[in-house]
Protein backbone atom coordinates (compact mmCIF):
# COMPACT_ATOMS: atom_id res chain seq x y z
CA MET A 1 30.42 15.36 66.30
CA LYS A 2 30.03 16.20 62.70
CA ALA A 3 30.38 13.58 59.94
CA SER A 4 32.94 14.27 57.26
CA ALA A 5 31.48 15.57 53.99
CA ARG A 6 34.40 14.28 51.99
CA ALA A 7 33.90 11.18 49.91
CA SER A 8 36.33 8.37 50.24
CA SER A 9 38.66 7.52 47.38
CA GLY A 10 36.64 4.36 46.68
CA ASP A 11 33.44 6.41 46.36
CA ARG A 12 35.13 8.85 43.99
CA ARG A 13 36.47 6.01 41.85
CA LEU A 14 32.98 4.44 41.65
CA PHE A 15 31.51 7.84 40.73
CA PHE A 16 34.00 8.35 37.88
CA ILE A 17 33.49 4.83 36.57
CA SER A 18 29.72 5.39 36.62
CA LEU A 19 30.19 8.73 34.86
CA ILE A 20 32.30 7.10 32.12
CA VAL A 21 29.78 4.27 31.63
CA PHE A 22 26.96 6.83 31.42
CA ALA A 23 28.88 8.95 28.87
CA LEU A 24 29.64 5.91 26.70
CA THR A 25 26.02 4.75 26.86
CA ALA A 26 24.78 8.22 25.91
CA ALA A 27 27.26 8.37 22.99
CA VAL A 28 26.12 4.99 21.68
CA ALA A 29 22.47 6.05 21.99
CA VAL A 30 23.12 9.30 20.08
CA VAL A 31 24.99 7.48 17.30
CA PHE A 32 22.18 4.91 17.07
CA LEU A 33 19.49 7.61 16.86
CA LEU A 34 21.41 9.57 14.25
CA THR A 35 21.93 6.55 12.02
CA ARG A 36 18.27 5.49 12.36
CA SER A 37 16.99 8.90 11.31
CA ALA A 38 19.53 9.47 8.54
CA PRO A 39 17.99 9.58 5.06
CA THR A 40 18.44 6.41 3.04
CA ALA A 41 19.54 6.31 -0.55
CA GLN A 42 16.45 6.75 -2.65
CA THR A 43 15.71 7.06 -6.29
CA PRO A 44 14.20 10.26 -7.63
CA ALA A 45 10.41 10.45 -7.73
CA ASP A 46 8.92 8.66 -10.71
CA GLN A 47 5.89 9.81 -12.67
CA SER A 48 3.42 8.48 -10.09
CA GLY A 49 5.00 10.45 -7.26
CA GLN A 50 6.37 7.34 -5.53
CA THR A 51 9.92 7.39 -4.20
CA GLY A 52 12.06 4.70 -2.75
CA ILE A 53 14.55 2.02 -3.48
CA PRO A 54 14.05 0.52 -6.93
CA VAL A 55 12.02 -2.68 -6.82
CA GLU A 56 11.99 -5.38 -9.45
CA SER A 57 8.57 -5.87 -10.99
CA GLY A 58 8.56 -9.62 -10.45
CA PHE A 59 8.49 -10.39 -14.16
CA SER A 60 11.52 -12.12 -15.63
CA ASP A 61 11.36 -10.26 -18.94
CA PRO A 62 9.53 -7.32 -20.51
CA ALA A 63 7.39 -9.60 -22.71
CA GLU A 64 6.04 -11.38 -19.63
CA ARG A 65 5.22 -8.02 -18.01
CA SER A 66 3.56 -6.78 -21.20
CA ALA A 67 1.44 -9.93 -21.46
CA ALA A 68 0.31 -9.63 -17.84
CA LEU A 69 -0.70 -6.01 -18.33
CA SER A 70 -2.31 -6.50 -21.74
CA ALA A 71 -5.43 -7.83 -20.03
CA ALA A 72 -6.31 -4.19 -19.36
CA GLY A 73 -7.11 -3.67 -23.05
CA GLU A 74 -9.71 -6.44 -22.98
CA ILE A 75 -11.79 -4.81 -20.29
CA LEU A 76 -11.47 -1.08 -21.09
CA PRO A 77 -15.05 -0.71 -22.40
CA ALA A 78 -16.42 -2.37 -19.25
CA LEU A 79 -14.03 -0.31 -17.12
CA ASP A 80 -15.34 2.92 -18.64
CA GLU A 81 -18.86 1.88 -17.68
CA ILE A 82 -17.74 0.91 -14.16
CA ALA A 83 -15.93 4.25 -13.77
CA GLY A 84 -19.16 6.08 -14.64
CA GLN A 85 -21.12 3.98 -12.17
CA VAL A 86 -18.58 4.66 -9.43
CA GLU A 87 -18.83 8.41 -10.00
CA ALA A 88 -22.63 8.30 -9.94
CA CYS A 89 -22.87 6.09 -6.85
CA ASP A 90 -23.17 8.13 -3.66
CA ALA A 91 -22.87 5.02 -1.47
CA TYR A 92 -19.05 5.13 -1.58
CA ARG A 93 -17.26 6.97 1.17
CA GLU A 94 -14.77 9.45 -0.23
CA GLU A 95 -11.75 7.30 0.72
CA ARG A 96 -13.20 4.30 -1.11
CA ARG A 97 -14.08 6.36 -4.17
CA THR A 98 -10.48 7.62 -4.24
CA GLN A 99 -9.16 4.04 -4.00
CA MET A 100 -11.49 2.95 -6.79
CA ASN A 101 -10.34 5.81 -9.01
CA ILE A 102 -6.67 5.02 -8.38
CA HIS A 103 -7.25 1.42 -9.47
CA ILE A 104 -9.20 2.58 -12.52
CA THR A 105 -6.32 4.91 -13.46
CA TRP A 106 -3.77 2.10 -13.08
CA ILE A 107 -5.85 -0.32 -15.17
CA ARG A 108 -6.22 2.29 -17.92
CA ASN A 109 -2.50 3.06 -17.78
CA PRO A 110 -0.64 0.00 -16.43
CA ASP A 111 2.74 1.69 -16.92
CA ALA A 112 1.76 4.09 -14.11
CA ILE A 113 1.56 1.23 -11.57
CA PRO A 114 4.47 1.73 -9.15
CA ALA A 115 6.99 -1.13 -9.29
CA ASP A 116 6.46 -2.10 -5.65
CA ILE A 117 2.68 -2.28 -6.16
CA LEU A 118 3.15 -4.25 -9.36
CA LEU A 119 5.34 -6.72 -7.49
CA ALA A 120 2.70 -7.13 -4.78
CA LEU A 121 -0.04 -7.72 -7.37
CA GLY A 122 1.66 -10.86 -8.67
CA GLU A 123 1.15 -12.62 -11.99
CA ASN A 124 -2.29 -11.14 -12.76
CA PRO A 125 -1.98 -7.45 -11.82
CA ILE A 126 -5.08 -6.31 -13.69
CA GLY A 127 -7.15 -9.08 -12.12
CA ARG A 128 -5.85 -8.24 -8.66
CA LEU A 129 -6.66 -4.53 -9.13
CA LEU A 130 -10.19 -5.50 -10.13
CA PHE A 131 -10.37 -7.83 -7.14
CA GLY A 132 -9.35 -4.92 -4.91
CA MET A 133 -12.11 -2.77 -6.40
CA ALA A 134 -14.65 -5.54 -5.88
CA THR A 135 -13.47 -5.93 -2.28
CA TYR A 136 -13.82 -2.18 -1.65
CA THR A 137 -17.31 -2.31 -3.13
CA SER A 138 -18.22 -5.37 -1.07
CA ILE A 139 -17.10 -3.68 2.13
CA GLU A 140 -19.17 -0.59 1.40
CA TRP A 141 -22.19 -2.74 0.53
CA ARG A 142 -21.85 -4.76 3.75
CA LEU A 143 -21.51 -1.57 5.82
CA ALA A 144 -24.79 -0.40 4.28
CA GLU A 145 -26.33 -3.79 5.28
CA ARG A 146 -26.57 -5.05 1.66
CA PRO A 147 -29.60 -3.20 0.34
CA ALA A 148 -30.86 -4.82 -2.88
CA ASP A 149 -31.48 -1.43 -4.50
CA SER A 150 -27.98 -0.10 -3.78
CA CYS A 151 -25.89 1.29 -6.64
CA LEU A 152 -23.03 -0.81 -5.23
CA LEU A 153 -24.62 -4.10 -6.28
CA PRO A 154 -24.47 -3.53 -10.08
CA ILE A 155 -20.92 -2.20 -9.72
CA GLY A 156 -19.91 -5.37 -7.87
CA GLN A 157 -21.58 -7.50 -10.54
CA ALA A 158 -19.82 -5.59 -13.33
CA LEU A 159 -16.50 -6.01 -11.51
CA ASN A 160 -17.15 -9.75 -11.22
CA GLN A 161 -17.66 -9.95 -15.01
CA ALA A 162 -14.45 -7.99 -15.62
CA MET A 163 -12.54 -10.22 -13.18
CA THR A 164 -13.79 -13.34 -14.95
CA ALA A 165 -12.68 -11.86 -18.30
CA VAL A 166 -9.10 -11.50 -17.04
CA GLY A 167 -8.91 -14.85 -15.23
CA GLU A 168 -9.57 -13.69 -11.68
CA THR A 169 -12.04 -15.48 -9.40
CA PRO A 170 -15.16 -13.33 -8.87
CA LEU A 171 -16.59 -12.57 -5.44
CA GLU A 172 -19.46 -14.92 -4.53
CA GLU A 173 -21.23 -12.03 -2.87
CA PHE A 174 -22.01 -10.45 -6.24
CA GLU A 175 -22.88 -13.67 -8.07
CA GLY A 176 -26.41 -14.52 -9.03
């Protein structure tokens, strides 16, 4: 005898319920994916090429911001010398040299610092940018196994002096 190929009414009902649950699950997944990939409201690109949601700078008033950024003027002569040393030093990898030059540009023109970066830098943005440069230099020097005749050492020492001038703690590695 041959078994019947027809499904029972209970099997058909279970199939249709499963089909409806699958369709609803697929619809929810599609809606979720579409909303996750939808563009968010963003501000137009500013002068530095950054885009995104506006971020407060972290300073309660413009005078406070101006005072925090005025430290840049105190170190510009030293910064010019450091910039020349960075360009002449072949011990930097290209990525590090680019990072150093971005920080130099921001210190020379603090108004070009993107608001989200300025917020992350805290109360002493110029000091923190210098600290970042000293850290980059320290990493490169350590990767080269700290040669005493490296062009990185005088750059690190000059950065320490500039950090001290703006109230930032210098790196011990470049002291002495």
